[in-house]
Amino acid sequence: MGIAPLRLREAADDEESPVAGLPRVLWAIGRALPATHMIDVMRGAVLRSAGPLDMLPSLLALAAISVVLVAISIRGVRRLTV
């Protein structure tokens, strides 16, 4: 049980993480996924004891993704009810 958090810390600080080696297109797709930003926030809070300002870029990305998904959902529901 003590090994997993240590490995997560290494992965969070490692410039040679799997994401760093992705082609630019795949990296951009990965950054568009909400899970990527949520993992960044969790790593910051749990492993680095980062404050809200340190995690602001990921929090803003999550908010933006949420707004887009809600807008798409509203449009889809309106299309079904009309």
C-alpha atoms as a PDB file:
ATOM      1  CA  MET A   1       0.000   0.000   0.000  1.00  0.00           C
ATOM      2  CA  GLY A   2       2.927   2.335   0.610  1.00  0.00           C
ATOM      3  CA  ILE A   3       4.344   1.791  -2.874  1.00  0.00           C
ATOM      4  CA  ALA A   4       1.412   3.151  -4.907  1.00  0.00           C
ATOM      5  CA  PRO A   5       1.462   6.717  -3.484  1.00  0.00           C
ATOM      6  CA  LEU A   6       5.220   6.822  -3.971  1.00  0.00           C
ATOM      7  CA  ARG A   7       4.845   5.816  -7.623  1.00  0.00           C
ATOM      8  CA  LEU A   8       2.117   8.436  -8.121  1.00  0.00           C
ATOM      9  CA  ARG A   9       4.447  11.088  -6.726  1.00  0.00           C
ATOM     10  CA  GLU A  10       7.179   9.977  -9.115  1.00  0.00           C
ATOM     11  CA  ALA A  11       4.747  10.059 -12.054  1.00  0.00           C
ATOM     12  CA  ALA A  12       3.496  13.517 -11.097  1.00  0.00           C
ATOM     13  CA  ASP A  13       7.017  14.952 -10.941  1.00  0.00           C
ATOM     14  CA  ASP A  14       8.495  12.972 -13.819  1.00  0.00           C
ATOM     15  CA  GLU A  15       9.095  14.779 -17.101  1.00  0.00           C
ATOM     16  CA  GLU A  16       9.329  11.367 -18.767  1.00  0.00           C
ATOM     17  CA  SER A  17       5.733  10.471 -17.931  1.00  0.00           C
ATOM     18  CA  PRO A  18       3.722   8.677 -20.637  1.00  0.00           C
ATOM     19  CA  VAL A  19       1.871  11.902 -21.473  1.00  0.00           C
ATOM     20  CA  ALA A  20       5.124  13.736 -22.191  1.00  0.00           C
ATOM     21  CA  GLY A  21       5.944  11.263 -24.968  1.00  0.00           C
ATOM     22  CA  LEU A  22       2.620  11.503 -26.798  1.00  0.00           C
ATOM     23  CA  PRO A  23       2.352  13.043 -30.254  1.00  0.00           C
ATOM     24  CA  ARG A  24       1.022  16.602 -30.138  1.00  0.00           C
ATOM     25  CA  VAL A  25      -2.429  15.644 -31.486  1.00  0.00           C
ATOM     26  CA  LEU A  26      -2.957  12.928 -28.877  1.00  0.00           C
ATOM     27  CA  TRP A  27      -1.650  15.223 -26.137  1.00  0.00           C
ATOM     28  CA  ALA A  28      -4.239  17.863 -27.157  1.00  0.00           C
ATOM     29  CA  ILE A  29      -7.030  15.270 -27.125  1.00  0.00           C
ATOM     30  CA  GLY A  30      -5.932  14.147 -23.679  1.00  0.00           C
ATOM     31  CA  ARG A  31      -5.984  17.717 -22.378  1.00  0.00           C
ATOM     32  CA  ALA A  32      -9.569  18.084 -23.652  1.00  0.00           C
ATOM     33  CA  LEU A  33     -10.754  15.236 -21.421  1.00  0.00           C
ATOM     34  CA  PRO A  34     -12.124  16.232 -18.009  1.00  0.00           C
ATOM     35  CA  ALA A  35     -10.453  13.267 -16.321  1.00  0.00           C
ATOM     36  CA  THR A  36      -7.017  14.685 -17.157  1.00  0.00           C
ATOM     37  CA  HIS A  37      -7.733  17.907 -15.296  1.00  0.00           C
ATOM     38  CA  MET A  38      -9.381  16.117 -12.383  1.00  0.00           C
ATOM     39  CA  ILE A  39      -6.292  13.938 -11.988  1.00  0.00           C
ATOM     40  CA  ASP A  40      -4.126  17.088 -12.043  1.00  0.00           C
ATOM     41  CA  VAL A  41      -6.258  18.601  -9.265  1.00  0.00           C
ATOM     42  CA  MET A  42      -6.158  15.408  -7.188  1.00  0.00           C
ATOM     43  CA  ARG A  43      -2.392  15.079  -7.562  1.00  0.00           C
ATOM     44  CA  GLY A  44      -1.944  18.702  -6.610  1.00  0.00           C
ATOM     45  CA  ALA A  45      -4.141  18.444  -3.535  1.00  0.00           C
ATOM     46  CA  VAL A  46      -2.991  15.057  -2.282  1.00  0.00           C
ATOM     47  CA  LEU A  47       0.626  14.736  -3.342  1.00  0.00           C
ATOM     48  CA  ARG A  48       1.902  18.306  -3.507  1.00  0.00           C
ATOM     49  CA  SER A  49      -0.421  20.043  -1.015  1.00  0.00           C
ATOM     50  CA  ALA A  50      -1.040  22.663  -3.684  1.00  0.00           C
ATOM     51  CA  GLY A  51      -3.367  25.543  -2.985  1.00  0.00           C
ATOM     52  CA  PRO A  52      -6.325  26.635  -5.101  1.00  0.00           C
ATOM     53  CA  LEU A  53      -4.222  29.144  -7.041  1.00  0.00           C
ATOM     54  CA  ASP A  54      -1.758  26.419  -8.008  1.00  0.00           C
ATOM     55  CA  MET A  55      -4.596  24.338  -9.403  1.00  0.00           C
ATOM     56  CA  LEU A  56      -6.429  27.250 -11.036  1.00  0.00           C
ATOM     57  CA  PRO A  57      -5.608  26.292 -14.668  1.00  0.00           C
ATOM     58  CA  SER A  58      -7.055  22.801 -14.220  1.00  0.00           C
ATOM     59  CA  LEU A  59     -10.062  24.117 -12.285  1.00  0.00           C
ATOM     60  CA  LEU A  60     -10.782  26.667 -15.021  1.00  0.00           C
ATOM     61  CA  ALA A  61     -10.446  23.958 -17.671  1.00  0.00           C
ATOM     62  CA  LEU A  62     -12.941  21.787 -15.766  1.00  0.00           C
ATOM     63  CA  ALA A  63     -15.359  24.723 -15.545  1.00  0.00           C
ATOM     64  CA  ALA A  64     -15.030  25.446 -19.272  1.00  0.00           C
ATOM     65  CA  ILE A  65     -15.555  21.802 -20.208  1.00  0.00           C
ATOM     66  CA  SER A  66     -18.623  21.718 -17.941  1.00  0.00           C
ATOM     67  CA  VAL A  67     -20.131  24.790 -19.601  1.00  0.00           C
ATOM     68  CA  VAL A  68     -19.611  23.294 -23.059  1.00  0.00           C
ATOM     69  CA  LEU A  69     -21.092  19.923 -22.085  1.00  0.00           C
ATOM     70  CA  VAL A  70     -24.119  21.519 -20.408  1.00  0.00           C
ATOM     71  CA  ALA A  71     -24.737  23.675 -23.500  1.00  0.00           C
ATOM     72  CA  ILE A  72     -24.555  20.608 -25.740  1.00  0.00           C
ATOM     73  CA  SER A  73     -26.929  18.742 -23.411  1.00  0.00           C
ATOM     74  CA  ILE A  74     -29.455  21.581 -23.352  1.00  0.00           C
ATOM     75  CA  ARG A  75     -29.381  21.757 -27.128  1.00  0.00           C
ATOM     76  CA  GLY A  76     -29.942  18.015 -27.367  1.00  0.00           C
ATOM     77  CA  VAL A  77     -32.875  18.075 -24.949  1.00  0.00           C
ATOM     78  CA  ARG A  78     -34.482  20.979 -26.785  1.00  0.00           C
ATOM     79  CA  ARG A  79     -34.131  19.076 -30.039  1.00  0.00           C
ATOM     80  CA  LEU A  80     -35.890  16.055 -28.499  1.00  0.00           C
ATOM     81  CA  THR A  81     -38.754  18.027 -26.979  1.00  0.00           C
ATOM     82  CA  VAL A  82     -39.587  20.143 -30.016  1.00  0.00           C
END
